[in-house]
Amino acid sequence: HEAKILEEYQRDKGTRMERTIQEVALATCGFYLPENARYDYLLNLPG
Protein backbone atom coordinates (compact mmCIF):
# COMPACT_ATOMS: atom_id res chain seq x y z
CA HIS A 1 0.00 0.00 0.00
CA GLU A 2 3.04 2.28 0.33
CA ALA A 3 2.84 3.82 -3.15
CA LYS A 4 -0.84 4.65 -2.68
CA ILE A 5 -0.17 6.08 0.80
CA LEU A 6 2.55 8.39 -0.54
CA GLU A 7 0.44 9.36 -3.54
CA GLU A 8 -2.55 10.38 -1.39
CA TYR A 9 -0.31 12.18 1.09
CA GLN A 10 1.37 14.21 -1.67
CA ARG A 11 -1.95 14.90 -3.43
CA ASP A 12 -3.58 16.45 -0.35
CA LYS A 13 -0.46 18.15 0.99
CA GLY A 14 -0.94 21.93 1.30
CA THR A 15 -4.73 21.69 0.80
CA ARG A 16 -7.60 21.86 3.25
CA MET A 17 -7.73 18.06 3.05
CA GLU A 18 -4.12 17.66 4.20
CA ARG A 19 -3.49 14.75 6.56
CA THR A 20 -0.36 13.43 8.18
CA ILE A 21 1.19 10.44 6.48
CA GLN A 22 0.31 8.41 9.58
CA GLU A 23 -3.38 9.28 9.16
CA VAL A 24 -3.29 8.35 5.47
CA ALA A 25 -1.62 5.02 6.30
CA LEU A 26 -4.18 4.16 8.99
CA ALA A 27 -7.05 4.86 6.60
CA THR A 28 -5.42 2.88 3.77
CA CYS A 29 -4.03 -0.26 5.39
CA GLY A 30 -4.94 -0.08 9.08
CA PHE A 31 -1.58 0.94 10.56
CA TYR A 32 1.49 3.11 10.02
CA LEU A 33 4.91 1.45 9.77
CA PRO A 34 7.76 3.76 10.85
CA GLU A 35 11.23 3.32 9.39
CA ASN A 36 12.59 1.67 12.55
CA ALA A 37 9.87 -1.02 12.27
CA ARG A 38 10.70 -1.97 8.68
CA TYR A 39 11.68 -5.64 8.50
CA ASP A 40 14.82 -5.20 6.42
CA TYR A 41 16.06 -2.52 8.83
CA LEU A 42 15.68 -4.90 11.80
CA LEU A 43 17.12 -7.86 9.88
CA ASN A 44 20.26 -6.02 8.78
CA LEU A 45 21.20 -4.30 12.04
CA PRO A 46 24.87 -4.98 12.93
CA GLY A 47 25.68 -7.44 15.72
All heavy atoms as atom14 arrays in JSON, in Angstrom:
{
  "sequence": "HEAKILEEYQRDKGTRMERTIQEVALATCGFYLPENARYDYLLNLPG",
  "atom14_mask": [
    [1, 1, 1, 1, 1, 1, 1, 1, 1, 1, 0, 0, 0, 0],
    [1, 1, 1, 1, 1, 1, 1, 1, 1, 0, 0, 0, 0, 0],
    [1, 1, 1, 1, 1, 0, 0, 0, 0, 0, 0, 0, 0, 0],
    [1, 1, 1, 1, 1, 1, 1, 1, 1, 0, 0, 0, 0, 0],
    [1, 1, 1, 1, 1, 1, 1, 1, 0, 0, 0, 0, 0, 0],
    [1, 1, 1, 1, 1, 1, 1, 1, 0, 0, 0, 0, 0, 0],
    [1, 1, 1, 1, 1, 1, 1, 1, 1, 0, 0, 0, 0, 0],
    [1, 1, 1, 1, 1, 1, 1, 1, 1, 0, 0, 0, 0, 0],
    [1, 1, 1, 1, 1, 1, 1, 1, 1, 1, 1, 1, 0, 0],
    [1, 1, 1, 1, 1, 1, 1, 1, 1, 0, 0, 0, 0, 0],
    [1, 1, 1, 1, 1, 1, 1, 1, 1, 1, 1, 0, 0, 0],
    [1, 1, 1, 1, 1, 1, 1, 1, 0, 0, 0, 0, 0, 0],
    [1, 1, 1, 1, 1, 1, 1, 1, 1, 0, 0, 0, 0, 0],
    [1, 1, 1, 1, 0, 0, 0, 0, 0, 0, 0, 0, 0, 0],
    [1, 1, 1, 1, 1, 1, 1, 0, 0, 0, 0, 0, 0, 0],
    [1, 1, 1, 1, 1, 1, 1, 1, 1, 1, 1, 0, 0, 0],
    [1, 1, 1, 1, 1, 1, 1, 1, 0, 0, 0, 0, 0, 0],
    [1, 1, 1, 1, 1, 1, 1, 1, 1, 0, 0, 0, 0, 0],
    [1, 1, 1, 1, 1, 1, 1, 1, 1, 1, 1, 0, 0, 0],
    [1, 1, 1, 1, 1, 1, 1, 0, 0, 0, 0, 0, 0, 0],
    [1, 1, 1, 1, 1, 1, 1, 1, 0, 0, 0, 0, 0, 0],
    [1, 1, 1, 1, 1, 1, 1, 1, 1, 0, 0, 0, 0, 0],
    [1, 1, 1, 1, 1, 1, 1, 1, 1, 0, 0, 0, 0, 0],
    [1, 1, 1, 1, 1, 1, 1, 0, 0, 0, 0, 0, 0, 0],
    [1, 1, 1, 1, 1, 0, 0, 0, 0, 0, 0, 0, 0, 0],
    [1, 1, 1, 1, 1, 1, 1, 1, 0, 0, 0, 0, 0, 0],
    [1, 1, 1, 1, 1, 0, 0, 0, 0, 0, 0, 0, 0, 0],
    [1, 1, 1, 1, 1, 1, 1, 0, 0, 0, 0, 0, 0, 0],
    [1, 1, 1, 1, 1, 1, 0, 0, 0, 0, 0, 0, 0, 0],
    [1, 1, 1, 1, 0, 0, 0, 0, 0, 0, 0, 0, 0, 0],
    [1, 1, 1, 1, 1, 1, 1, 1, 1, 1, 1, 0, 0, 0],
    [1, 1, 1, 1, 1, 1, 1, 1, 1, 1, 1, 1, 0, 0],
    [1, 1, 1, 1, 1, 1, 1, 1, 0, 0, 0, 0, 0, 0],
    [1, 1, 1, 1, 1, 1, 1, 0, 0, 0, 0, 0, 0, 0],
    [1, 1, 1, 1, 1, 1, 1, 1, 1, 0, 0, 0, 0, 0],
    [1, 1, 1, 1, 1, 1, 1, 1, 0, 0, 0, 0, 0, 0],
    [1, 1, 1, 1, 1, 0, 0, 0, 0, 0, 0, 0, 0, 0],
    [1, 1, 1, 1, 1, 1, 1, 1, 1, 1, 1, 0, 0, 0],
    [1, 1, 1, 1, 1, 1, 1, 1, 1, 1, 1, 1, 0, 0],
    [1, 1, 1, 1, 1, 1, 1, 1, 0, 0, 0, 0, 0, 0],
    [1, 1, 1, 1, 1, 1, 1, 1, 1, 1, 1, 1, 0, 0],
    [1, 1, 1, 1, 1, 1, 1, 1, 0, 0, 0, 0, 0, 0],
    [1, 1, 1, 1, 1, 1, 1, 1, 0, 0, 0, 0, 0, 0],
    [1, 1, 1, 1, 1, 1, 1, 1, 0, 0, 0, 0, 0, 0],
    [1, 1, 1, 1, 1, 1, 1, 1, 0, 0, 0, 0, 0, 0],
    [1, 1, 1, 1, 1, 1, 1, 0, 0, 0, 0, 0, 0, 0],
    [1, 1, 1, 1, 0, 0, 0, 0, 0, 0, 0, 0, 0, 0]
  ],
  "atom14_positions": [
    [[0.81, -1.22, 0.0], [0.0, 0.0, 0.0], [0.84, 1.28, 0.0], [0.3, 2.37, -0.08], [-0.92, 0.03, 1.24], [-2.01, -0.98, 1.19], [-1.85, -2.26, 1.68], [-3.28, -0.92, 0.71], [-2.98, -2.94, 1.52], [-3.86, -2.15, 0.92], [0.0, 0.0, 0.0], [0.0, 0.0, 0.0], [0.0, 0.0, 0.0], [0.0, 0.0, 0.0]],
    [[2.17, 1.12, 0.11], [3.04, 2.28, 0.33], [2.93, 3.32, -0.79], [2.85, 4.53, -0.52], [4.49, 1.81, 0.49], [5.4, 2.9, 1.04], [6.73, 2.35, 1.51], [7.07, 1.2, 1.17], [7.42, 3.07, 2.25], [0.0, 0.0, 0.0], [0.0, 0.0, 0.0], [0.0, 0.0, 0.0], [0.0, 0.0, 0.0], [0.0, 0.0, 0.0]],
    [[2.92, 2.87, -2.03], [2.84, 3.82, -3.15], [1.55, 4.62, -3.09], [1.54, 5.85, -3.29], [2.93, 3.05, -4.48], [0.0, 0.0, 0.0], [0.0, 0.0, 0.0], [0.0, 0.0, 0.0], [0.0, 0.0, 0.0], [0.0, 0.0, 0.0], [0.0, 0.0, 0.0], [0.0, 0.0, 0.0], [0.0, 0.0, 0.0], [0.0, 0.0, 0.0]],
    [[0.45, 3.97, -2.78], [-0.84, 4.65, -2.68], [-0.85, 5.63, -1.5], [-1.4, 6.74, -1.61], [-1.96, 3.62, -2.52], [-3.36, 4.24, -2.51], [-4.43, 3.17, -2.35], [-5.81, 3.81, -2.31], [-6.88, 2.8, -2.09], [0.0, 0.0, 0.0], [0.0, 0.0, 0.0], [0.0, 0.0, 0.0], [0.0, 0.0, 0.0], [0.0, 0.0, 0.0]],
    [[-0.24, 5.21, -0.38], [-0.17, 6.08, 0.8], [0.58, 7.37, 0.46], [0.12, 8.48, 0.75], [0.51, 5.34, 1.98], [-0.4, 4.21, 2.48], [0.83, 6.31, 3.12], [0.29, 3.26, 3.45], [0.0, 0.0, 0.0], [0.0, 0.0, 0.0], [0.0, 0.0, 0.0], [0.0, 0.0, 0.0], [0.0, 0.0, 0.0], [0.0, 0.0, 0.0]],
    [[1.74, 7.22, -0.18], [2.55, 8.39, -0.54], [1.83, 9.26, -1.57], [1.88, 10.5, -1.5], [3.9, 7.93, -1.09], [4.85, 7.28, -0.07], [6.05, 6.68, -0.77], [5.31, 8.33, 0.96], [0.0, 0.0, 0.0], [0.0, 0.0, 0.0], [0.0, 0.0, 0.0], [0.0, 0.0, 0.0], [0.0, 0.0, 0.0], [0.0, 0.0, 0.0]],
    [[1.16, 8.62, -2.51], [0.44, 9.36, -3.54], [-0.68, 10.22, -2.92], [-0.82, 11.41, -3.24], [-0.17, 8.38, -4.54], [-0.95, 9.05, -5.67], [-1.66, 8.05, -6.56], [-1.24, 6.88, -6.59], [-2.64, 8.46, -7.21], [0.0, 0.0, 0.0], [0.0, 0.0, 0.0], [0.0, 0.0, 0.0], [0.0, 0.0, 0.0], [0.0, 0.0, 0.0]],
    [[-1.46, 9.63, -2.02], [-2.55, 10.38, -1.39], [-2.01, 11.48, -0.48], [-2.59, 12.57, -0.4], [-3.45, 9.42, -0.59], [-4.27, 8.5, -1.47], [-5.35, 7.77, -0.69], [-5.66, 8.2, 0.44], [-5.86, 6.76, -1.21], [0.0, 0.0, 0.0], [0.0, 0.0, 0.0], [0.0, 0.0, 0.0], [0.0, 0.0, 0.0], [0.0, 0.0, 0.0]],
    [[-0.91, 11.18, 0.21], [-0.31, 12.18, 1.09], [0.16, 13.39, 0.28], [-0.11, 14.55, 0.65], [0.85, 11.55, 1.86], [1.67, 12.55, 2.64], [1.13, 13.19, 3.76], [2.97, 12.86, 2.26], [1.88, 14.12, 4.47], [3.73, 13.78, 2.97], [3.18, 14.41, 4.07], [3.92, 15.33, 4.78], [0.0, 0.0, 0.0], [0.0, 0.0, 0.0]],
    [[0.86, 13.12, -0.83], [1.37, 14.21, -1.67], [0.22, 14.98, -2.34], [0.27, 16.21, -2.49], [2.32, 13.66, -2.74], [3.62, 13.1, -2.19], [4.5, 14.17, -1.55], [4.36, 15.37, -1.81], [5.41, 13.72, -0.68], [0.0, 0.0, 0.0], [0.0, 0.0, 0.0], [0.0, 0.0, 0.0], [0.0, 0.0, 0.0], [0.0, 0.0, 0.0]],
    [[-0.82, 14.27, -2.74], [-1.95, 14.9, -3.43], [-2.65, 15.93, -2.53], [-3.05, 17.0, -2.98], [-2.94, 13.82, -3.86], [-4.14, 14.33, -4.67], [-5.19, 13.25, -4.79], [-5.76, 12.91, -3.49], [-6.38, 11.77, -3.19], [-6.49, 10.83, -4.11], [-6.88, 11.56, -1.99], [0.0, 0.0, 0.0], [0.0, 0.0, 0.0], [0.0, 0.0, 0.0]],
    [[-2.82, 15.57, -1.26], [-3.58, 16.45, -0.35], [-2.69, 17.44, 0.4], [-3.2, 18.31, 1.12], [-4.34, 15.6, 0.67], [-5.39, 14.71, 0.02], [-5.81, 15.04, -1.11], [-5.78, 13.7, 0.62], [0.0, 0.0, 0.0], [0.0, 0.0, 0.0], [0.0, 0.0, 0.0], [0.0, 0.0, 0.0], [0.0, 0.0, 0.0], [0.0, 0.0, 0.0]],
    [[-1.38, 17.29, 0.26], [-0.46, 18.15, 0.99], [-0.65, 19.62, 0.58], [-0.71, 19.94, -0.61], [0.98, 17.72, 0.71], [2.01, 18.38, 1.62], [3.4, 17.78, 1.36], [4.42, 18.41, 2.29], [5.78, 17.85, 2.05], [0.0, 0.0, 0.0], [0.0, 0.0, 0.0], [0.0, 0.0, 0.0], [0.0, 0.0, 0.0], [0.0, 0.0, 0.0]],
    [[-0.77, 20.51, 1.56], [-0.94, 21.93, 1.3], [-2.37, 22.34, 1.01], [-2.64, 23.51, 0.75], [0.0, 0.0, 0.0], [0.0, 0.0, 0.0], [0.0, 0.0, 0.0], [0.0, 0.0, 0.0], [0.0, 0.0, 0.0], [0.0, 0.0, 0.0], [0.0, 0.0, 0.0], [0.0, 0.0, 0.0], [0.0, 0.0, 0.0], [0.0, 0.0, 0.0]],
    [[-3.31, 21.37, 1.03], [-4.73, 21.69, 0.8], [-5.49, 21.6, 2.12], [-4.94, 21.2, 3.15], [-5.36, 20.71, -0.21], [-5.49, 19.42, 0.42], [-4.49, 20.57, -1.46], [0.0, 0.0, 0.0], [0.0, 0.0, 0.0], [0.0, 0.0, 0.0], [0.0, 0.0, 0.0], [0.0, 0.0, 0.0], [0.0, 0.0, 0.0], [0.0, 0.0, 0.0]],
    [[-6.77, 21.95, 2.05], [-7.6, 21.86, 3.25], [-7.79, 20.4, 3.68], [-8.17, 20.13, 4.82], [-8.97, 22.49, 2.98], [-8.92, 24.01, 2.81], [-10.27, 24.56, 2.4], [-11.3, 24.24, 3.41], [-12.6, 24.41, 3.23], [-13.05, 24.86, 2.07], [-13.45, 24.11, 4.19], [0.0, 0.0, 0.0], [0.0, 0.0, 0.0], [0.0, 0.0, 0.0]],
    [[-7.56, 19.49, 2.76], [-7.73, 18.06, 3.05], [-6.44, 17.41, 3.58], [-6.4, 16.2, 3.78], [-8.15, 17.32, 1.77], [-9.44, 17.83, 1.14], [-10.85, 17.45, 2.17], [-10.91, 15.67, 1.97], [0.0, 0.0, 0.0], [0.0, 0.0, 0.0], [0.0, 0.0, 0.0], [0.0, 0.0, 0.0], [0.0, 0.0, 0.0], [0.0, 0.0, 0.0]],
    [[-5.41, 18.22, 3.81], [-4.12, 17.66, 4.2], [-4.22, 16.81, 5.47], [-4.86, 17.18, 6.44], [-3.09, 18.77, 4.42], [-1.71, 18.23, 4.77], [-0.64, 19.31, 4.86], [-0.96, 20.49, 4.57], [0.49, 18.97, 5.23], [0.0, 0.0, 0.0], [0.0, 0.0, 0.0], [0.0, 0.0, 0.0], [0.0, 0.0, 0.0], [0.0, 0.0, 0.0]],
    [[-3.58, 15.64, 5.4], [-3.49, 14.75, 6.56], [-2.03, 14.36, 6.75], [-1.23, 14.42, 5.8], [-4.31, 13.48, 6.33], [-5.81, 13.69, 6.23], [-6.52, 12.39, 5.86], [-6.2, 11.94, 4.5], [-6.52, 10.75, 4.0], [-7.15, 9.88, 4.76], [-6.21, 10.44, 2.75], [0.0, 0.0, 0.0], [0.0, 0.0, 0.0], [0.0, 0.0, 0.0]],
    [[-1.71, 13.95, 7.96], [-0.36, 13.43, 8.18], [-0.23, 12.1, 7.46], [-1.23, 11.42, 7.17], [-0.08, 13.21, 9.68], [-0.94, 12.17, 10.16], [-0.31, 14.49, 10.47], [0.0, 0.0, 0.0], [0.0, 0.0, 0.0], [0.0, 0.0, 0.0], [0.0, 0.0, 0.0], [0.0, 0.0, 0.0], [0.0, 0.0, 0.0], [0.0, 0.0, 0.0]],
    [[0.99, 11.71, 7.17], [1.19, 10.44, 6.48], [0.71, 9.27, 7.34], [0.24, 8.25, 6.83], [2.68, 10.27, 6.06], [2.79, 9.12, 5.04], [3.57, 10.02, 7.29], [4.1, 9.08, 4.31], [0.0, 0.0, 0.0], [0.0, 0.0, 0.0], [0.0, 0.0, 0.0], [0.0, 0.0, 0.0], [0.0, 0.0, 0.0], [0.0, 0.0, 0.0]],
    [[0.8, 9.45, 8.67], [0.31, 8.41, 9.58], [-1.21, 8.23, 9.44], [-1.72, 7.1, 9.42], [0.66, 8.74, 11.03], [2.14, 8.66, 11.35], [2.89, 9.93, 11.01], [2.3, 10.9, 10.53], [4.21, 9.92, 11.24], [0.0, 0.0, 0.0], [0.0, 0.0, 0.0], [0.0, 0.0, 0.0], [0.0, 0.0, 0.0], [0.0, 0.0, 0.0]],
    [[-1.92, 9.34, 9.31], [-3.38, 9.28, 9.16], [-3.77, 8.62, 7.83], [-4.72, 7.83, 7.76], [-3.98, 10.68, 9.25], [-3.92, 11.28, 10.65], [-4.33, 12.75, 10.67], [-4.09, 13.46, 9.67], [-4.87, 13.18, 11.7], [0.0, 0.0, 0.0], [0.0, 0.0, 0.0], [0.0, 0.0, 0.0], [0.0, 0.0, 0.0], [0.0, 0.0, 0.0]],
    [[-3.03, 8.97, 6.78], [-3.29, 8.35, 5.47], [-3.05, 6.85, 5.54], [-3.84, 6.04, 5.03], [-2.41, 8.98, 4.38], [-2.63, 8.27, 3.04], [-2.68, 10.47, 4.24], [0.0, 0.0, 0.0], [0.0, 0.0, 0.0], [0.0, 0.0, 0.0], [0.0, 0.0, 0.0], [0.0, 0.0, 0.0], [0.0, 0.0, 0.0], [0.0, 0.0, 0.0]],
    [[-1.96, 6.45, 6.19], [-1.62, 5.02, 6.3], [-2.69, 4.26, 7.08], [-3.11, 3.16, 6.67], [-0.26, 4.86, 6.98], [0.0, 0.0, 0.0], [0.0, 0.0, 0.0], [0.0, 0.0, 0.0], [0.0, 0.0, 0.0], [0.0, 0.0, 0.0], [0.0, 0.0, 0.0], [0.0, 0.0, 0.0], [0.0, 0.0, 0.0], [0.0, 0.0, 0.0]],
    [[-3.15, 4.82, 8.19], [-4.18, 4.16, 8.99], [-5.46, 3.95, 8.19], [-6.1, 2.9, 8.26], [-4.49, 4.98, 10.25], [-3.47, 4.85, 11.39], [-3.71, 5.92, 12.44], [-3.57, 3.48, 12.04], [0.0, 0.0, 0.0], [0.0, 0.0, 0.0], [0.0, 0.0, 0.0], [0.0, 0.0, 0.0], [0.0, 0.0, 0.0], [0.0, 0.0, 0.0]],
    [[-5.82, 4.96, 7.39], [-7.05, 4.86, 6.6], [-6.89, 3.87, 5.45], [-7.86, 3.23, 5.03], [-7.41, 6.24, 6.05], [0.0, 0.0, 0.0], [0.0, 0.0, 0.0], [0.0, 0.0, 0.0], [0.0, 0.0, 0.0], [0.0, 0.0, 0.0], [0.0, 0.0, 0.0], [0.0, 0.0, 0.0], [0.0, 0.0, 0.0], [0.0, 0.0, 0.0]],
    [[-5.65, 3.72, 4.96], [-5.42, 2.88, 3.77], [-5.2, 1.42, 4.12], [-5.79, 0.53, 3.49], [-4.2, 3.4, 2.98], [-4.41, 4.78, 2.66], [-4.0, 2.6, 1.69], [0.0, 0.0, 0.0], [0.0, 0.0, 0.0], [0.0, 0.0, 0.0], [0.0, 0.0, 0.0], [0.0, 0.0, 0.0], [0.0, 0.0, 0.0], [0.0, 0.0, 0.0]],
    [[-4.33, 1.15, 5.11], [-4.03, -0.26, 5.39], [-4.17, -0.65, 6.86], [-3.83, -1.77, 7.24], [-2.64, -0.64, 4.88], [-1.27, -0.05, 5.86], [0.0, 0.0, 0.0], [0.0, 0.0, 0.0], [0.0, 0.0, 0.0], [0.0, 0.0, 0.0], [0.0, 0.0, 0.0], [0.0, 0.0, 0.0], [0.0, 0.0, 0.0], [0.0, 0.0, 0.0]],
    [[-4.64, 0.28, 7.7], [-4.94, -0.08, 9.08], [-3.86, 0.22, 10.09], [-4.09, 0.13, 11.3], [0.0, 0.0, 0.0], [0.0, 0.0, 0.0], [0.0, 0.0, 0.0], [0.0, 0.0, 0.0], [0.0, 0.0, 0.0], [0.0, 0.0, 0.0], [0.0, 0.0, 0.0], [0.0, 0.0, 0.0], [0.0, 0.0, 0.0], [0.0, 0.0, 0.0]],
    [[-2.66, 0.59, 9.63], [-1.58, 0.94, 10.56], [-0.5, 1.72, 9.81], [-0.44, 1.72, 8.58], [-0.97, -0.31, 11.2], [-0.45, -1.32, 10.2], [0.83, -1.23, 9.67], [-1.26, -2.37, 9.78], [1.29, -2.14, 8.75], [-0.81, -3.3, 8.84], [0.47, -3.18, 8.34], [0.0, 0.0, 0.0], [0.0, 0.0, 0.0], [0.0, 0.0, 0.0]],
    [[0.34, 2.4, 10.58], [1.49, 3.11, 10.02], [2.75, 2.37, 10.44], [2.9, 1.96, 11.6], [1.54, 4.54, 10.52], [2.82, 5.27, 10.15], [3.13, 5.58, 8.83], [3.75, 5.63, 11.14], [4.31, 6.22, 8.5], [4.93, 6.28, 10.81], [5.21, 6.57, 9.48], [6.39, 7.2, 9.16], [0.0, 0.0, 0.0], [0.0, 0.0, 0.0]],
    [[3.68, 2.17, 9.5], [4.91, 1.45, 9.77], [6.09, 2.41, 9.7], [6.53, 2.79, 8.61], [5.09, 0.32, 8.75], [6.06, -0.81, 9.11], [5.58, -1.56, 10.33], [6.22, -1.78, 7.95], [0.0, 0.0, 0.0], [0.0, 0.0, 0.0], [0.0, 0.0, 0.0], [0.0, 0.0, 0.0], [0.0, 0.0, 0.0], [0.0, 0.0, 0.0]],
    [[6.61, 2.84, 10.87], [7.76, 3.76, 10.85], [9.01, 3.07, 10.34], [9.08, 1.83, 10.28], [7.9, 4.15, 12.33], [7.27, 3.04, 13.1], [6.17, 2.5, 12.23], [0.0, 0.0, 0.0], [0.0, 0.0, 0.0], [0.0, 0.0, 0.0], [0.0, 0.0, 0.0], [0.0, 0.0, 0.0], [0.0, 0.0, 0.0], [0.0, 0.0, 0.0]],
    [[10.01, 3.87, 9.99], [11.23, 3.32, 9.39], [11.91, 2.31, 10.31], [12.45, 1.31, 9.86], [12.2, 4.45, 9.04], [11.81, 5.23, 7.8], [11.69, 4.35, 6.56], [12.57, 3.5, 6.35], [10.7, 4.5, 5.81], [0.0, 0.0, 0.0], [0.0, 0.0, 0.0], [0.0, 0.0, 0.0], [0.0, 0.0, 0.0], [0.0, 0.0, 0.0]],
    [[11.88, 2.57, 11.63], [12.59, 1.67, 12.55], [11.82, 0.37, 12.79], [12.27, -0.49, 13.54], [12.87, 2.36, 13.89], [11.62, 2.63, 14.7], [10.52, 2.73, 14.15], [11.78, 2.76, 16.01], [0.0, 0.0, 0.0], [0.0, 0.0, 0.0], [0.0, 0.0, 0.0], [0.0, 0.0, 0.0], [0.0, 0.0, 0.0], [0.0, 0.0, 0.0]],
    [[10.63, 0.23, 12.16], [9.87, -1.02, 12.27], [9.88, -1.78, 10.95], [9.21, -2.82, 10.84], [8.43, -0.72, 12.69], [0.0, 0.0, 0.0], [0.0, 0.0, 0.0], [0.0, 0.0, 0.0], [0.0, 0.0, 0.0], [0.0, 0.0, 0.0], [0.0, 0.0, 0.0], [0.0, 0.0, 0.0], [0.0, 0.0, 0.0], [0.0, 0.0, 0.0]],
    [[10.62, -1.27, 9.96], [10.7, -1.97, 8.68], [11.53, -3.25, 8.86], [12.56, -3.26, 9.55], [11.33, -1.09, 7.6], [10.62, 0.23, 7.36], [9.15, 0.06, 7.02], [8.91, -0.57, 5.74], [8.49, 0.08, 4.65], [8.28, 1.4, 4.68], [8.28, -0.57, 3.53], [0.0, 0.0, 0.0], [0.0, 0.0, 0.0], [0.0, 0.0, 0.0]],
    [[11.08, -4.33, 8.24], [11.68, -5.64, 8.5], [13.14, -5.7, 8.07], [13.99, -6.22, 8.79], [10.87, -6.74, 7.8], [11.07, -8.1, 8.43], [10.31, -8.5, 9.51], [12.05, -8.98, 7.95], [10.49, -9.73, 10.11], [12.24, -10.21, 8.54], [11.47, -10.58, 9.62], [11.67, -11.81, 10.21], [0.0, 0.0, 0.0], [0.0, 0.0, 0.0]],
    [[13.44, -5.16, 6.9], [14.82, -5.2, 6.42], [15.75, -4.41, 7.33], [16.92, -4.8, 7.54], [14.91, -4.65, 4.99], [14.38, -5.65, 3.97], [14.21, -6.83, 4.33], [14.12, -5.25, 2.82], [0.0, 0.0, 0.0], [0.0, 0.0, 0.0], [0.0, 0.0, 0.0], [0.0, 0.0, 0.0], [0.0, 0.0, 0.0], [0.0, 0.0, 0.0]],
    [[15.25, -3.31, 7.89], [16.06, -2.52, 8.83], [16.43, -3.37, 10.05], [17.6, -3.41, 10.48], [15.28, -1.28, 9.26], [15.87, -0.56, 10.46], [16.96, 0.29, 10.33], [15.33, -0.74, 11.74], [17.52, 0.92, 11.43], [15.87, -0.11, 12.84], [16.97, 0.73, 12.69], [17.51, 1.35, 13.79], [0.0, 0.0, 0.0], [0.0, 0.0, 0.0]],
    [[15.45, -4.07, 10.61], [15.68, -4.9, 11.8], [16.56, -6.09, 11.47], [17.43, -6.49, 12.25], [14.35, -5.37, 12.37], [13.44, -4.27, 12.93], [12.02, -4.78, 13.12], [13.99, -3.75, 14.26], [0.0, 0.0, 0.0], [0.0, 0.0, 0.0], [0.0, 0.0, 0.0], [0.0, 0.0, 0.0], [0.0, 0.0, 0.0], [0.0, 0.0, 0.0]],
    [[16.35, -6.68, 10.29], [17.12, -7.86, 9.88], [18.6, -7.53, 9.7], [19.46, -8.35, 10.04], [16.53, -8.39, 8.57], [17.2, -9.62, 7.95], [17.06, -10.83, 8.86], [16.58, -9.92, 6.58], [0.0, 0.0, 0.0], [0.0, 0.0, 0.0], [0.0, 0.0, 0.0], [0.0, 0.0, 0.0], [0.0, 0.0, 0.0], [0.0, 0.0, 0.0]],
    [[18.89, -6.35, 9.16], [20.26, -6.02, 8.78], [21.02, -5.17, 9.79], [22.1, -4.65, 9.49], [20.25, -5.3, 7.42], [19.73, -6.2, 6.32], [20.11, -7.36, 6.22], [18.83, -5.68, 5.49], [0.0, 0.0, 0.0], [0.0, 0.0, 0.0], [0.0, 0.0, 0.0], [0.0, 0.0, 0.0], [0.0, 0.0, 0.0], [0.0, 0.0, 0.0]],
    [[20.48, -5.03, 10.99], [21.2, -4.3, 12.04], [22.51, -5.04, 12.35], [22.54, -6.27, 12.37], [20.35, -4.2, 13.31], [19.22, -3.17, 13.31], [18.36, -3.35, 14.56], [19.78, -1.75, 13.27], [0.0, 0.0, 0.0], [0.0, 0.0, 0.0], [0.0, 0.0, 0.0], [0.0, 0.0, 0.0], [0.0, 0.0, 0.0], [0.0, 0.0, 0.0]],
    [[23.61, -4.31, 12.62], [24.87, -4.98, 12.93], [24.83, -5.66, 14.3], [24.08, -5.25, 15.19], [25.89, -3.82, 12.93], [25.07, -2.6, 13.23], [23.73, -2.83, 12.6], [0.0, 0.0, 0.0], [0.0, 0.0, 0.0], [0.0, 0.0, 0.0], [0.0, 0.0, 0.0], [0.0, 0.0, 0.0], [0.0, 0.0, 0.0], [0.0, 0.0, 0.0]],
    [[25.61, -6.74, 14.44], [25.68, -7.44, 15.72], [24.44, -8.28, 15.98], [23.56, -8.42, 15.14], [0.0, 0.0, 0.0], [0.0, 0.0, 0.0], [0.0, 0.0, 0.0], [0.0, 0.0, 0.0], [0.0, 0.0, 0.0], [0.0, 0.0, 0.0], [0.0, 0.0, 0.0], [0.0, 0.0, 0.0], [0.0, 0.0, 0.0], [0.0, 0.0, 0.0]]
  ]
}
